[in-house]
């Protein structure tokens, strides 16, 4: 991936954590900060089926999940599978899509299945979705419903690169046509590593620390809505995946601190007054709990 991307080490690590934790990731940043490039670069290292959806104001649910049609050859009703029937899905600029279309992703992300006309069809294994979104201040964007955002294991903020990283980016782009990225893992390897994640130990004190952080988001005076119990599960699985990546057998408090903003930032609704943002709330909670 580094052959295509300058910097972004934490972002790349979080994307791998999401994959091994069998969760989905939402990448947020202004246009042009390589959100799509990172998702494509990750897909290029994996021997798996990859599909992409471009979010637009006229995108309809059938463009995502597929549609039924009448096959006149044998007068039977058949289903044309949409792009969600893949191993790795990239939904580009998700929040440019209409709310109804965003909601069509709910069952796909949570249950990893699609229900059409009373028939339920399972998705491929593994199925990992990476979605990108622009900040709401960018023209043409819609807020993602909290019920949909909650289905993403984490939200990864992608910032502007430093001047040094931008200089490296120029050199990368200058010779990009000559770069060959080898596929180093396949779907069986991913499934195997996801199984290994389950074997990583979550100590009692770290489990308690997770619940304390999540509970604190519900009591913070600056929050209208705190994190749901899905945040506890996200901390657990992402923490286990991070420990596995680093060759450890147990999750630590430092793993949870590292994951606090990606796991919580899209699950907290902040009051419009008070001047403190969601990151300020999370920083305050982590500082208080130690």
Protein backbone atom coordinates (compact mmCIF):
# COMPACT_ATOMS: atom_id res chain seq x y z
CA UNK A 1 0.00 0.00 0.00
CA UNK A 2 2.90 2.35 0.73
CA UNK A 3 3.82 2.16 -2.95
CA UNK A 4 0.69 4.20 -3.63
CA UNK A 5 0.30 6.25 -0.44
CA UNK A 6 2.47 8.77 1.39
CA UNK A 7 2.22 8.68 5.19
CA UNK A 8 -1.13 7.68 6.73
CA UNK A 9 0.39 4.87 8.81
CA UNK A 10 -2.35 5.00 11.47
CA UNK A 11 -5.07 5.08 8.80
CA UNK A 12 -3.64 2.04 7.03
CA UNK A 13 -3.33 0.17 10.34
CA UNK A 14 -6.96 0.96 11.21
CA UNK A 15 -8.13 -0.31 7.82
CA UNK A 16 -6.33 -3.61 8.43
CA UNK A 17 -7.73 -3.78 11.95
CA UNK A 18 -11.25 -3.43 10.53
CA UNK A 19 -10.59 -6.25 8.05
CA UNK A 20 -9.27 -8.66 10.69
CA UNK A 21 -12.03 -7.70 13.13
CA UNK A 22 -14.56 -8.57 10.39
CA UNK A 23 -15.97 -5.05 10.53
CA UNK A 24 -16.62 -2.18 8.16
CA UNK A 25 -14.83 1.17 8.13
CA UNK A 26 -15.96 4.68 7.23
CA UNK A 27 -13.22 7.03 5.99
CA UNK A 28 -14.00 10.75 6.35
CA UNK A 29 -12.04 13.64 4.91
CA UNK A 30 -12.24 16.48 2.42
CA UNK A 31 -11.98 15.62 -1.29
CA UNK A 32 -8.48 14.79 -2.51
CA UNK A 33 -6.86 13.33 0.65
CA UNK A 34 -6.56 9.79 -0.83
CA UNK A 35 -9.53 8.10 0.85
CA UNK A 36 -10.47 6.22 -2.31
CA UNK A 37 -6.83 5.57 -3.18
CA UNK A 38 -6.26 3.88 0.17
CA UNK A 39 -9.27 1.61 -0.22
CA UNK A 40 -8.20 0.65 -3.74
CA UNK A 41 -4.61 0.11 -2.61
CA UNK A 42 -5.78 -2.25 0.14
CA UNK A 43 -7.92 -4.16 -2.35
CA UNK A 44 -4.94 -4.46 -4.68
CA UNK A 45 -3.05 -6.49 -2.05
CA UNK A 46 -5.84 -9.03 -1.59
CA UNK A 47 -6.75 -11.89 -3.94
CA UNK A 48 -10.49 -11.34 -3.63
CA UNK A 49 -13.49 -10.00 -5.52
CA UNK A 50 -13.65 -6.18 -5.34
CA UNK A 51 -16.51 -3.91 -6.38
CA UNK A 52 -17.06 -0.17 -6.17
CA UNK A 53 -20.20 1.98 -5.86
CA UNK A 54 -20.12 5.72 -6.54
CA UNK A 55 -22.45 7.69 -4.31
CA UNK A 56 -24.59 10.16 -6.29
CA UNK A 57 -27.87 12.00 -5.62
CA UNK A 58 -29.70 9.70 -8.06
CA UNK A 59 -28.35 6.41 -6.67
CA UNK A 60 -31.25 4.05 -5.87
CA UNK A 61 -31.32 0.94 -3.64
CA UNK A 62 -31.41 -1.44 -6.61
CA UNK A 63 -28.07 0.02 -7.76
CA UNK A 64 -26.58 -1.40 -4.54
CA UNK A 65 -28.38 -4.64 -3.72
CA UNK A 66 -29.64 -5.63 -7.18
CA UNK A 67 -33.08 -6.15 -8.69
CA UNK A 68 -35.52 -8.79 -9.91
CA UNK A 69 -36.55 -9.08 -13.53
CA UNK A 70 -38.68 -11.29 -15.76
CA UNK A 71 -36.64 -13.57 -17.98
CA UNK A 72 -38.76 -13.81 -21.09
CA UNK A 73 -36.79 -16.82 -22.32
CA UNK A 74 -38.42 -19.11 -19.74
CA UNK A 75 -40.96 -16.68 -18.24
CA UNK A 76 -39.33 -16.87 -14.80
CA UNK A 77 -38.44 -14.20 -12.25
CA UNK A 78 -34.70 -13.90 -11.71
CA UNK A 79 -32.45 -11.74 -9.54
CA UNK A 80 -29.61 -9.66 -10.90
CA UNK A 81 -27.09 -9.35 -8.04
CA UNK A 82 -25.85 -5.86 -7.16
CA UNK A 83 -22.27 -4.87 -6.32
CA UNK A 84 -22.70 -5.79 -2.63
CA UNK A 85 -22.21 -9.41 -3.66
CA UNK A 86 -18.45 -9.23 -3.34
CA UNK A 87 -15.65 -9.76 -0.81
CA UNK A 88 -14.49 -6.15 -0.60
CA UNK A 89 -16.86 -3.28 -1.32
CA UNK A 90 -15.94 0.38 -1.70
CA UNK A 91 -18.81 2.86 -1.40
CA UNK A 92 -17.33 6.13 -2.58
CA UNK A 93 -18.82 9.37 -1.23
CA UNK A 94 -21.58 7.55 0.63
CA UNK A 95 -23.09 10.74 2.01
CA UNK A 96 -23.84 12.08 -1.47
CA UNK A 97 -26.45 9.32 -1.75
CA UNK A 98 -30.14 9.82 -0.83
CA UNK A 99 -31.13 8.71 2.69
CA UNK A 100 -33.33 5.90 1.33
CA UNK A 101 -30.37 4.46 -0.56
CA UNK A 102 -28.12 4.74 2.48
CA UNK A 103 -30.72 2.83 4.48
CA UNK A 104 -30.61 0.01 1.92
CA UNK A 105 -27.14 -0.78 3.24
CA UNK A 106 -28.36 -1.53 6.77
CA UNK A 107 -29.13 -5.22 6.33
CA UNK A 108 -26.09 -5.64 4.10
CA UNK A 109 -23.65 -4.28 6.69
CA UNK A 110 -25.22 -5.79 9.80
CA UNK A 111 -26.52 -9.17 8.66
CA UNK A 112 -24.30 -9.64 5.59
CA UNK A 113 -27.31 -10.63 3.57
CA UNK A 114 -29.86 -9.15 1.17
CA UNK A 115 -33.60 -9.73 1.30
CA UNK A 116 -35.54 -9.20 -1.93
CA UNK A 117 -39.13 -10.28 -2.56
CA UNK A 118 -39.20 -12.41 0.58
CA UNK A 119 -36.02 -14.27 -0.36
CA UNK A 120 -32.85 -13.85 1.70
CA UNK A 121 -29.51 -14.22 -0.05
CA UNK A 122 -26.23 -14.42 1.92
CA UNK A 123 -23.25 -12.33 0.83
CA UNK A 124 -19.80 -13.72 0.07
CA UNK A 125 -17.34 -14.56 2.86
CA UNK A 126 -15.50 -12.53 3.88
CA UNK A 127 -17.48 -9.35 3.22
CA UNK A 128 -15.82 -6.10 4.26
CA UNK A 129 -17.13 -2.68 3.28
CA UNK A 130 -15.10 0.52 3.18
CA UNK A 131 -17.10 3.69 2.65
CA UNK A 132 -15.78 7.21 2.14
CA UNK A 133 -17.59 10.40 2.99
CA UNK A 134 -16.92 14.11 2.76
CA UNK A 135 -17.47 16.36 5.79
CA UNK A 136 -20.97 17.83 5.92
CA UNK A 137 -19.65 21.30 5.11
CA UNK A 138 -18.83 20.10 1.58
CA UNK A 139 -21.54 20.94 -0.94
CA UNK A 140 -23.96 18.17 -1.89
CA UNK A 141 -23.52 15.98 1.19
CA UNK A 142 -26.22 14.47 3.40
CA UNK A 143 -25.73 13.33 7.01
CA UNK A 144 -25.50 9.57 7.36
CA UNK A 145 -28.28 8.28 9.65
CA UNK A 146 -26.91 7.33 13.07
CA UNK A 147 -28.52 3.91 12.73
CA UNK A 148 -26.39 3.33 9.62
CA UNK A 149 -23.22 4.90 11.03
CA UNK A 150 -23.49 2.56 14.03
CA UNK A 151 -23.03 -0.41 11.68
CA UNK A 152 -19.50 0.70 10.87
CA UNK A 153 -16.92 -0.72 13.24
CA UNK A 154 -15.04 2.59 13.14
CA UNK A 155 -14.85 5.99 11.46
CA UNK A 156 -11.35 6.91 10.37
CA UNK A 157 -10.56 10.61 9.95
CA UNK A 158 -8.25 11.29 7.02
CA UNK A 159 -6.50 14.65 7.40
CA UNK A 160 -4.48 16.77 5.02
CA UNK A 161 -0.93 15.43 4.53
CA UNK A 162 2.09 17.24 5.90
CA UNK A 163 4.34 19.13 3.48
CA UNK A 164 6.86 16.29 3.63
CA UNK A 165 4.16 13.72 2.85
CA UNK A 166 2.94 15.81 -0.08
CA UNK A 167 6.46 15.90 -1.49
CA UNK A 168 6.67 12.11 -1.26
CA UNK A 169 3.24 11.90 -2.88
CA UNK A 170 4.52 13.83 -5.91
CA UNK A 171 7.30 11.28 -6.39
CA UNK A 172 4.86 8.40 -5.97
CA UNK A 173 2.53 9.82 -8.61
CA UNK A 174 5.47 10.61 -10.86
CA UNK A 175 6.42 6.94 -11.13
CA UNK A 176 3.10 5.27 -10.34
CA UNK A 177 2.68 3.64 -13.76
CA UNK A 178 5.82 1.57 -13.09
CA UNK A 179 4.64 0.35 -9.68
CA UNK A 180 3.47 -3.24 -9.36
CA UNK A 181 1.57 -4.25 -6.23
CA UNK A 182 1.51 -7.97 -5.51
CA UNK A 183 -1.51 -9.67 -4.01
CA UNK A 184 -0.10 -11.07 -0.78
CA UNK A 185 -3.16 -12.60 0.90
CA UNK A 186 -6.37 -14.26 -0.24
CA UNK A 187 -9.84 -14.71 1.22
CA UNK A 188 -8.89 -17.93 3.01
CA UNK A 189 -6.02 -16.13 4.76
CA UNK A 190 -8.36 -13.33 5.85
CA UNK A 191 -10.89 -15.80 7.25
CA UNK A 192 -8.08 -17.64 9.06
CA UNK A 193 -6.78 -14.41 10.63
CA UNK A 194 -10.32 -13.42 11.63
CA UNK A 195 -10.48 -16.74 13.46
CA UNK A 196 -7.18 -16.03 15.21
CA UNK A 197 -8.57 -12.67 16.40
CA UNK A 198 -11.22 -14.54 18.39
CA UNK A 199 -8.48 -16.31 20.32
CA UNK A 200 -6.89 -13.10 21.62
CA UNK A 201 -7.60 -12.60 25.33
CA UNK A 202 -9.57 -9.64 26.68
CA UNK A 203 -8.53 -9.21 30.35
CA UNK A 204 -11.23 -8.33 32.87
CA UNK A 205 -9.71 -4.94 33.67
CA UNK A 206 -9.64 -3.99 29.97
CA UNK A 207 -13.25 -5.16 29.51
CA UNK A 208 -14.22 -2.96 32.46
CA UNK A 209 -12.27 -0.04 30.96
CA UNK A 210 -14.20 -0.41 27.68
CA UNK A 211 -17.57 -0.30 29.43
CA UNK A 212 -16.50 2.70 31.51
CA UNK A 213 -15.57 4.67 28.39
CA UNK A 214 -18.79 3.80 26.57
CA UNK A 215 -20.93 4.55 29.62
CA UNK A 216 -19.19 7.91 30.06
CA UNK A 217 -20.30 8.98 26.56
CA UNK A 218 -23.92 8.61 27.67
CA UNK A 219 -23.43 10.80 30.73
CA UNK A 220 -21.33 13.58 29.21
CA UNK A 221 -23.17 16.92 29.44
CA UNK A 222 -22.06 17.88 25.93
CA UNK A 223 -23.58 14.78 24.31
CA UNK A 224 -27.20 14.49 23.20
CA UNK A 225 -26.75 10.78 22.54
CA UNK A 226 -23.98 8.48 23.71
CA UNK A 227 -22.58 5.32 22.15
CA UNK A 228 -24.67 2.17 21.89
CA UNK A 229 -23.56 -1.30 23.09
CA UNK A 230 -22.21 -1.86 19.57
CA UNK A 231 -19.34 0.40 20.65
CA UNK A 232 -18.39 -2.12 23.38
CA UNK A 233 -18.27 -4.88 20.77
CA UNK A 234 -16.32 -2.68 18.35
CA UNK A 235 -13.72 -1.95 21.04
CA UNK A 236 -13.41 -5.64 21.84
CA UNK A 237 -12.99 -6.95 18.30
CA UNK A 238 -10.84 -4.06 17.08
CA UNK A 239 -8.68 -4.32 20.20
CA UNK A 240 -8.19 -8.04 19.63
CA UNK A 241 -7.28 -7.42 15.97
CA UNK A 242 -4.76 -4.72 16.93
CA UNK A 243 -3.12 -7.02 19.46
CA UNK A 244 -2.90 -9.83 16.89
CA UNK A 245 -1.31 -7.53 14.29
CA UNK A 246 1.34 -6.55 16.85
CA UNK A 247 2.01 -10.16 17.87
CA UNK A 248 0.41 -9.98 21.31
CA UNK A 249 -1.99 -12.45 22.93
CA UNK A 250 -3.91 -9.96 25.07
CA UNK A 251 -5.66 -6.61 24.56
CA UNK A 252 -4.24 -3.67 26.51
CA UNK A 253 -5.69 -0.37 27.75
CA UNK A 254 -3.40 1.40 25.29
CA UNK A 255 -5.11 -0.47 22.44
CA UNK A 256 -8.45 0.90 23.61
CA UNK A 257 -7.08 4.44 23.92
CA UNK A 258 -5.71 4.23 20.35
CA UNK A 259 -9.12 3.08 19.11
CA UNK A 260 -11.25 5.53 21.12
CA UNK A 261 -11.85 8.15 18.42
CA UNK A 262 -12.32 5.74 15.49
CA UNK A 263 -14.76 3.61 17.50
CA UNK A 264 -16.74 6.42 19.18
CA UNK A 265 -16.69 9.55 17.00
CA UNK A 266 -19.55 8.47 14.68
CA UNK A 267 -21.68 7.12 17.52
CA UNK A 268 -21.97 10.29 19.62
CA UNK A 269 -24.38 13.14 18.89
CA UNK A 270 -23.05 16.48 20.19
CA UNK A 271 -25.11 19.43 21.40
CA UNK A 272 -25.16 22.34 18.95
CA UNK A 273 -24.09 24.73 21.72
CA UNK A 274 -21.11 24.56 24.04
CA UNK A 275 -18.26 24.77 21.57
CA UNK A 276 -16.86 21.30 22.29
CA UNK A 277 -16.75 18.79 19.46
CA UNK A 278 -17.01 15.01 19.53
CA UNK A 279 -13.22 14.63 19.69
CA UNK A 280 -13.14 16.97 22.67
CA UNK A 281 -15.68 14.76 24.44
CA UNK A 282 -13.65 11.63 23.76
CA UNK A 283 -10.36 13.25 24.80
CA UNK A 284 -11.96 14.40 28.04
CA UNK A 285 -13.33 10.94 28.83
CA UNK A 286 -10.00 9.20 28.15
CA UNK A 287 -8.10 11.80 30.21
CA UNK A 288 -10.52 11.41 33.12
CA UNK A 289 -10.45 7.60 33.14
CA UNK A 290 -6.70 7.44 32.61
